[in-house]
Amino acid sequence: MTFSTLPPGEPQTDWLAEKDIAFLAEGQQEKTVILNEGDFVVFYPGEVHKPLCAVGAPAKVRKAVVKMLMV
């Protein structure tokens, strides 16, 4: 999993309103954390992250996305 604490750039295609997703160019000062079986990570709105990065050969993963209204 790659992430950056810096503000995101502008996506080339704006899918945020329609699909709640954005694809950004490589960010500045990206960091990588290697997750193993049983690990998980939490990102808050506005935190830029790049899921499904492979270390070595790609492997099947299960990914759950939970979105909560923050008031």
PDB file of N, CA and C in Angstrom:
ATOM      1  N   MET A   1       0.858  -1.160   0.000  1.00  0.00           N
ATOM      2  CA  MET A   1       0.000   0.000   0.000  1.00  0.00           C
ATOM      3  C   MET A   1       0.901   1.219   0.000  1.00  0.00           C
ATOM      4  N   THR A   2       0.670   2.109  -0.924  1.00  0.00           N
ATOM      5  CA  THR A   2       1.429   3.347  -1.011  1.00  0.00           C
ATOM      6  C   THR A   2       0.526   4.490  -0.580  1.00  0.00           C
ATOM      7  N   PHE A   3       1.089   5.449   0.149  1.00  0.00           N
ATOM      8  CA  PHE A   3       0.284   6.578   0.617  1.00  0.00           C
ATOM      9  C   PHE A   3       1.142   7.830   0.693  1.00  0.00           C
ATOM     10  N   SER A   4       0.483   8.968   0.806  1.00  0.00           N
ATOM     11  CA  SER A   4       1.175  10.243   0.952  1.00  0.00           C
ATOM     12  C   SER A   4       0.364  11.121   1.890  1.00  0.00           C
ATOM     13  N   THR A   5       1.048  11.860   2.744  1.00  0.00           N
ATOM     14  CA  THR A   5       0.358  12.778   3.644  1.00  0.00           C
ATOM     15  C   THR A   5       0.259  14.178   3.039  1.00  0.00           C
ATOM     16  N   LEU A   6       0.794  14.343   1.840  1.00  0.00           N
ATOM     17  CA  LEU A   6       0.711  15.634   1.165  1.00  0.00           C
ATOM     18  C   LEU A   6      -0.638  15.768   0.465  1.00  0.00           C
ATOM     19  N   PRO A   7      -1.095  16.986   0.213  1.00  0.00           N
ATOM     20  CA  PRO A   7      -2.372  17.168  -0.480  1.00  0.00           C
ATOM     21  C   PRO A   7      -2.340  16.516  -1.858  1.00  0.00           C
ATOM     22  N   PRO A   8      -3.475  15.998  -2.306  1.00  0.00           N
ATOM     23  CA  PRO A   8      -3.515  15.351  -3.617  1.00  0.00           C
ATOM     24  C   PRO A   8      -3.402  16.363  -4.742  1.00  0.00           C
ATOM     25  N   GLY A   9      -2.932  15.888  -5.880  1.00  0.00           N
ATOM     26  CA  GLY A   9      -2.927  16.712  -7.083  1.00  0.00           C
ATOM     27  C   GLY A   9      -4.312  16.677  -7.712  1.00  0.00           C
ATOM     28  N   GLU A  10      -4.396  17.101  -8.928  1.00  0.00           N
ATOM     29  CA  GLU A  10      -5.667  17.083  -9.646  1.00  0.00           C
ATOM     30  C   GLU A  10      -5.743  15.832 -10.516  1.00  0.00           C
ATOM     31  N   PRO A  11      -6.863  15.092 -10.463  1.00  0.00           N
ATOM     32  CA  PRO A  11      -7.000  13.911 -11.317  1.00  0.00           C
ATOM     33  C   PRO A  11      -7.158  14.318 -12.776  1.00  0.00           C
ATOM     34  N   GLN A  12      -6.670  13.462 -13.677  1.00  0.00           N
ATOM     35  CA  GLN A  12      -6.829  13.738 -15.105  1.00  0.00           C
ATOM     36  C   GLN A  12      -8.293  13.607 -15.513  1.00  0.00           C
ATOM     37  N   THR A  13      -9.007  12.656 -14.928  1.00  0.00           N
ATOM     38  CA  THR A  13     -10.436  12.473 -15.162  1.00  0.00           C
ATOM     39  C   THR A  13     -11.129  12.579 -13.818  1.00  0.00           C
ATOM     40  N   ASP A  14     -12.118  13.449 -13.700  1.00  0.00           N
ATOM     41  CA  ASP A  14     -12.793  13.669 -12.425  1.00  0.00           C
ATOM     42  C   ASP A  14     -13.980  12.721 -12.278  1.00  0.00           C
ATOM     43  N   TRP A  15     -13.769  11.624 -11.557  1.00  0.00           N
ATOM     44  CA  TRP A  15     -14.814  10.645 -11.306  1.00  0.00           C
ATOM     45  C   TRP A  15     -15.324  10.726  -9.876  1.00  0.00           C
ATOM     46  N   LEU A  16     -14.882  11.710  -9.116  1.00  0.00           N
ATOM     47  CA  LEU A  16     -15.257  11.767  -7.706  1.00  0.00           C
ATOM     48  C   LEU A  16     -16.760  11.849  -7.511  1.00  0.00           C
ATOM     49  N   ALA A  17     -17.452  12.714  -8.223  1.00  0.00           N
ATOM     50  CA  ALA A  17     -18.893  12.876  -8.033  1.00  0.00           C
ATOM     51  C   ALA A  17     -19.658  11.630  -8.470  1.00  0.00           C
ATOM     52  N   GLU A  18     -19.239  11.024  -9.582  1.00  0.00           N
ATOM     53  CA  GLU A  18     -19.972   9.893 -10.139  1.00  0.00           C
ATOM     54  C   GLU A  18     -19.629   8.559  -9.469  1.00  0.00           C
ATOM     55  N   LYS A  19     -18.348   8.298  -9.246  1.00  0.00           N
ATOM     56  CA  LYS A  19     -17.912   6.984  -8.762  1.00  0.00           C
ATOM     57  C   LYS A  19     -17.173   7.034  -7.434  1.00  0.00           C
ATOM     58  N   ASP A  20     -16.958   8.224  -6.877  1.00  0.00           N
ATOM     59  CA  ASP A  20     -16.226   8.399  -5.619  1.00  0.00           C
ATOM     60  C   ASP A  20     -14.834   7.771  -5.690  1.00  0.00           C
ATOM     61  N   ILE A  21     -14.147   8.019  -6.811  1.00  0.00           N
ATOM     62  CA  ILE A  21     -12.802   7.491  -7.005  1.00  0.00           C
ATOM     63  C   ILE A  21     -12.004   8.489  -7.848  1.00  0.00           C
ATOM     64  N   ALA A  22     -10.712   8.531  -7.642  1.00  0.00           N
ATOM     65  CA  ALA A  22      -9.844   9.390  -8.448  1.00  0.00           C
ATOM     66  C   ALA A  22      -8.527   8.673  -8.680  1.00  0.00           C
ATOM     67  N   PHE A  23      -7.986   8.829  -9.862  1.00  0.00           N
ATOM     68  CA  PHE A  23      -6.683   8.276 -10.190  1.00  0.00           C
ATOM     69  C   PHE A  23      -5.728   9.443 -10.389  1.00  0.00           C
ATOM     70  N   LEU A  24      -4.691   9.488  -9.567  1.00  0.00           N
ATOM     71  CA  LEU A  24      -3.747  10.595  -9.583  1.00  0.00           C
ATOM     72  C   LEU A  24      -2.389  10.129 -10.077  1.00  0.00           C
ATOM     73  N   ALA A  25      -1.633  11.075 -10.595  1.00  0.00           N
ATOM     74  CA  ALA A  25      -0.246  10.770 -10.959  1.00  0.00           C
ATOM     75  C   ALA A  25       0.530  10.448  -9.682  1.00  0.00           C
ATOM     76  N   GLU A  26       1.727   9.918  -9.830  1.00  0.00           N
ATOM     77  CA  GLU A  26       2.546   9.584  -8.658  1.00  0.00           C
ATOM     78  C   GLU A  26       2.706  10.815  -7.779  1.00  0.00           C
ATOM     79  N   GLY A  27       2.481  10.633  -6.492  1.00  0.00           N
ATOM     80  CA  GLY A  27       2.530  11.750  -5.556  1.00  0.00           C
ATOM     81  C   GLY A  27       3.935  12.063  -5.076  1.00  0.00           C
ATOM     82  N   GLN A  28       4.038  13.180  -4.397  1.00  0.00           N
ATOM     83  CA  GLN A  28       5.311  13.571  -3.817  1.00  0.00           C
ATOM     84  C   GLN A  28       5.472  12.881  -2.470  1.00  0.00           C
ATOM     85  N   GLN A  29       6.683  12.518  -2.153  1.00  0.00           N
ATOM     86  CA  GLN A  29       7.030  11.920  -0.864  1.00  0.00           C
ATOM     87  C   GLN A  29       6.124  10.734  -0.514  1.00  0.00           C
ATOM     88  N   GLU A  30       5.879   9.863  -1.492  1.00  0.00           N
ATOM     89  CA  GLU A  30       5.078   8.669  -1.220  1.00  0.00           C
ATOM     90  C   GLU A  30       5.840   7.730  -0.295  1.00  0.00           C
ATOM     91  N   LYS A  31       5.118   7.053   0.553  1.00  0.00           N
ATOM     92  CA  LYS A  31       5.667   6.035   1.451  1.00  0.00           C
ATOM     93  C   LYS A  31       4.948   4.727   1.147  1.00  0.00           C
ATOM     94  N   THR A  32       5.612   3.620   1.412  1.00  0.00           N
ATOM     95  CA  THR A  32       5.020   2.312   1.163  1.00  0.00           C
ATOM     96  C   THR A  32       5.043   1.489   2.435  1.00  0.00           C
ATOM     97  N   VAL A  33       3.942   0.836   2.713  1.00  0.00           N
ATOM     98  CA  VAL A  33       3.869  -0.103   3.828  1.00  0.00           C
ATOM     99  C   VAL A  33       3.458  -1.451   3.236  1.00  0.00           C
ATOM    100  N   ILE A  34       4.146  -2.503   3.651  1.00  0.00           N
ATOM    101  CA  ILE A  34       3.834  -3.845   3.164  1.00  0.00           C
ATOM    102  C   ILE A  34       2.884  -4.497   4.158  1.00  0.00           C
ATOM    103  N   LEU A  35       1.710  -4.860   3.668  1.00  0.00           N
ATOM    104  CA  LEU A  35       0.709  -5.510   4.506  1.00  0.00           C
ATOM    105  C   LEU A  35       0.783  -7.015   4.296  1.00  0.00           C
ATOM    106  N   ASN A  36       0.646  -7.748   5.380  1.00  0.00           N
ATOM    107  CA  ASN A  36       0.648  -9.202   5.334  1.00  0.00           C
ATOM    108  C   ASN A  36      -0.741  -9.719   5.677  1.00  0.00           C
ATOM    109  N   GLU A  37      -0.935 -11.011   5.519  1.00  0.00           N
ATOM    110  CA  GLU A  37      -2.223 -11.624   5.824  1.00  0.00           C
ATOM    111  C   GLU A  37      -2.673 -11.224   7.230  1.00  0.00           C
ATOM    112  N   GLY A  38      -3.911 -10.755   7.329  1.00  0.00           N
ATOM    113  CA  GLY A  38      -4.461 -10.347   8.617  1.00  0.00           C
ATOM    114  C   GLY A  38      -4.260  -8.874   8.942  1.00  0.00           C
ATOM    115  N   ASP A  39      -3.411  -8.178   8.189  1.00  0.00           N
ATOM    116  CA  ASP A  39      -3.183  -6.746   8.412  1.00  0.00           C
ATOM    117  C   ASP A  39      -4.312  -5.931   7.791  1.00  0.00           C
ATOM    118  N   PHE A  40      -4.495  -4.722   8.281  1.00  0.00           N
ATOM    119  CA  PHE A  40      -5.436  -3.801   7.662  1.00  0.00           C
ATOM    120  C   PHE A  40      -4.940  -2.382   7.864  1.00  0.00           C
ATOM    121  N   VAL A  41      -5.518  -1.472   7.108  1.00  0.00           N
ATOM    122  CA  VAL A  41      -5.133  -0.066   7.195  1.00  0.00           C
ATOM    123  C   VAL A  41      -6.405   0.772   7.080  1.00  0.00           C
ATOM    124  N   VAL A  42      -6.413   1.928   7.738  1.00  0.00           N
ATOM    125  CA  VAL A  42      -7.556   2.841   7.703  1.00  0.00           C
ATOM    126  C   VAL A  42      -7.090   4.167   7.111  1.00  0.00           C
ATOM    127  N   PHE A  43      -7.829   4.665   6.137  1.00  0.00           N
ATOM    128  CA  PHE A  43      -7.572   5.984   5.567  1.00  0.00           C
ATOM    129  C   PHE A  43      -8.808   6.840   5.763  1.00  0.00           C
ATOM    130  N   TYR A  44      -8.576   8.098   6.056  1.00  0.00           N
ATOM    131  CA  TYR A  44      -9.661   9.054   6.238  1.00  0.00           C
ATOM    132  C   TYR A  44      -9.854   9.853   4.956  1.00  0.00           C
ATOM    133  N   PRO A  45     -11.023  10.501   4.801  1.00  0.00           N
ATOM    134  CA  PRO A  45     -11.267  11.292   3.587  1.00  0.00           C
ATOM    135  C   PRO A  45     -10.130  12.283   3.333  1.00  0.00           C
ATOM    136  N   GLY A  46      -9.707  12.339   2.099  1.00  0.00           N
ATOM    137  CA  GLY A  46      -8.642  13.257   1.717  1.00  0.00           C
ATOM    138  C   GLY A  46      -7.242  12.685   1.832  1.00  0.00           C
ATOM    139  N   GLU A  47      -7.098  11.519   2.462  1.00  0.00           N
ATOM    140  CA  GLU A  47      -5.779  10.887   2.562  1.00  0.00           C
ATOM    141  C   GLU A  47      -5.524  10.083   1.285  1.00  0.00           C
ATOM    142  N   VAL A  48      -4.488  10.462   0.576  1.00  0.00           N
ATOM    143  CA  VAL A  48      -4.185   9.856  -0.715  1.00  0.00           C
ATOM    144  C   VAL A  48      -3.536   8.497  -0.497  1.00  0.00           C
ATOM    145  N   HIS A  49      -4.074   7.468  -1.155  1.00  0.00           N
ATOM    146  CA  HIS A  49      -3.497   6.133  -1.042  1.00  0.00           C
ATOM    147  C   HIS A  49      -3.658   5.389  -2.360  1.00  0.00           C
ATOM    148  N   LYS A  50      -2.787   4.410  -2.555  1.00  0.00           N
ATOM    149  CA  LYS A  50      -2.764   3.619  -3.783  1.00  0.00           C
ATOM    150  C   LYS A  50      -2.827   2.144  -3.393  1.00  0.00           C
ATOM    151  N   PRO A  51      -4.014   1.529  -3.438  1.00  0.00           N
ATOM    152  CA  PRO A  51      -4.148   0.123  -3.059  1.00  0.00           C
ATOM    153  C   PRO A  51      -3.727  -0.821  -4.192  1.00  0.00           C
ATOM    154  N   LEU A  52      -3.674  -2.092  -3.859  1.00  0.00           N
ATOM    155  CA  LEU A  52      -3.405  -3.169  -4.812  1.00  0.00           C
ATOM    156  C   LEU A  52      -2.044  -3.072  -5.485  1.00  0.00           C
ATOM    157  N   CYS A  53      -1.044  -2.570  -4.778  1.00  0.00           N
ATOM    158  CA  CYS A  53       0.339  -2.592  -5.265  1.00  0.00           C
ATOM    159  C   CYS A  53       0.944  -3.942  -4.882  1.00  0.00           C
ATOM    160  N   ALA A  54       1.664  -4.556  -5.787  1.00  0.00           N
ATOM    161  CA  ALA A  54       2.229  -5.879  -5.527  1.00  0.00           C
ATOM    162  C   ALA A  54       3.712  -5.779  -5.193  1.00  0.00           C
ATOM    163  N   VAL A  55       4.138  -6.580  -4.231  1.00  0.00           N
ATOM    164  CA  VAL A  55       5.551  -6.751  -3.921  1.00  0.00           C
ATOM    165  C   VAL A  55       5.904  -8.138  -4.444  1.00  0.00           C
ATOM    166  N   GLY A  56       6.713  -8.188  -5.480  1.00  0.00           N
ATOM    167  CA  GLY A  56       6.991  -9.475  -6.110  1.00  0.00           C
ATOM    168  C   GLY A  56       5.832  -9.838  -7.028  1.00  0.00           C
ATOM    169  N   ALA A  57       5.414 -11.087  -6.987  1.00  0.00           N
ATOM    170  CA  ALA A  57       4.329 -11.556  -7.851  1.00  0.00           C
ATOM    171  C   ALA A  57       2.975 -11.106  -7.298  1.00  0.00           C
ATOM    172  N   PRO A  58       2.049 -10.713  -8.164  1.00  0.00           N
ATOM    173  CA  PRO A  58       0.709 -10.346  -7.698  1.00  0.00           C
ATOM    174  C   PRO A  58       0.024 -11.513  -6.992  1.00  0.00           C
ATOM    175  N   ALA A  59      -0.833 -11.200  -6.038  1.00  0.00           N
ATOM    176  CA  ALA A  59      -1.575 -12.221  -5.294  1.00  0.00           C
ATOM    177  C   ALA A  59      -3.021 -11.765  -5.150  1.00  0.00           C
ATOM    178  N   LYS A  60      -3.913 -12.708  -4.945  1.00  0.00           N
ATOM    179  CA  LYS A  60      -5.315 -12.366  -4.711  1.00  0.00           C
ATOM    180  C   LYS A  60      -5.448 -11.747  -3.325  1.00  0.00           C
ATOM    181  N   VAL A  61      -6.224 -10.691  -3.242  1.00  0.00           N
ATOM    182  CA  VAL A  61      -6.482 -10.048  -1.956  1.00  0.00           C
ATOM    183  C   VAL A  61      -7.972  -9.795  -1.824  1.00  0.00           C
ATOM    184  N   ARG A  62      -8.418  -9.695  -0.590  1.00  0.00           N
ATOM    185  CA  ARG A  62      -9.790  -9.276  -0.316  1.00  0.00           C
ATOM    186  C   ARG A  62      -9.720  -7.848   0.184  1.00  0.00           C
ATOM    187  N   LYS A  63     -10.548  -7.029  -0.372  1.00  0.00           N
ATOM    188  CA  LYS A  63     -10.536  -5.621  -0.002  1.00  0.00           C
ATOM    189  C   LYS A  63     -11.955  -5.220   0.378  1.00  0.00           C
ATOM    190  N   ALA A  64     -12.095  -4.576   1.523  1.00  0.00           N
ATOM    191  CA  ALA A  64     -13.394  -4.062   1.954  1.00  0.00           C
ATOM    192  C   ALA A  64     -13.297  -2.551   2.068  1.00  0.00           C
ATOM    193  N   VAL A  65     -14.288  -1.868   1.555  1.00  0.00           N
ATOM    194  CA  VAL A  65     -14.346  -0.414   1.661  1.00  0.00           C
ATOM    195  C   VAL A  65     -15.587  -0.070   2.466  1.00  0.00           C
ATOM    196  N   VAL A  66     -15.377   0.622   3.570  1.00  0.00           N
ATOM    197  CA  VAL A  66     -16.480   1.043   4.429  1.00  0.00           C
ATOM    198  C   VAL A  66     -16.453   2.558   4.482  1.00  0.00           C
ATOM    199  N   LYS A  67     -17.569   3.183   4.146  1.00  0.00           N
ATOM    200  CA  LYS A  67     -17.643   4.643   4.169  1.00  0.00           C
ATOM    201  C   LYS A  67     -18.678   5.060   5.195  1.00  0.00           C
ATOM    202  N   MET A  68     -18.276   6.007   6.041  1.00  0.00           N
ATOM    203  CA  MET A  68     -19.157   6.479   7.104  1.00  0.00           C
ATOM    204  C   MET A  68     -19.334   7.985   6.973  1.00  0.00           C
ATOM    205  N   LEU A  69     -20.532   8.461   7.217  1.00  0.00           N
ATOM    206  CA  LEU A  69     -20.796   9.886   7.212  1.00  0.00           C
ATOM    207  C   LEU A  69     -20.154  10.505   8.439  1.00  0.00           C
ATOM    208  N   MET A  70     -19.285  11.475   8.217  1.00  0.00           N
ATOM    209  CA  MET A  70     -18.615  12.145   9.330  1.00  0.00           C
ATOM    210  C   MET A  70     -19.308  13.482   9.551  1.00  0.00           C
ATOM    211  N   VAL A  71     -19.858  13.660  10.744  1.00  0.00           N
ATOM    212  CA  VAL A  71     -20.574  14.911  11.046  1.00  0.00           C
ATOM    213  C   VAL A  71     -19.856  15.700  12.103  1.00  0.00           C
TER     214      VAL A  71
END
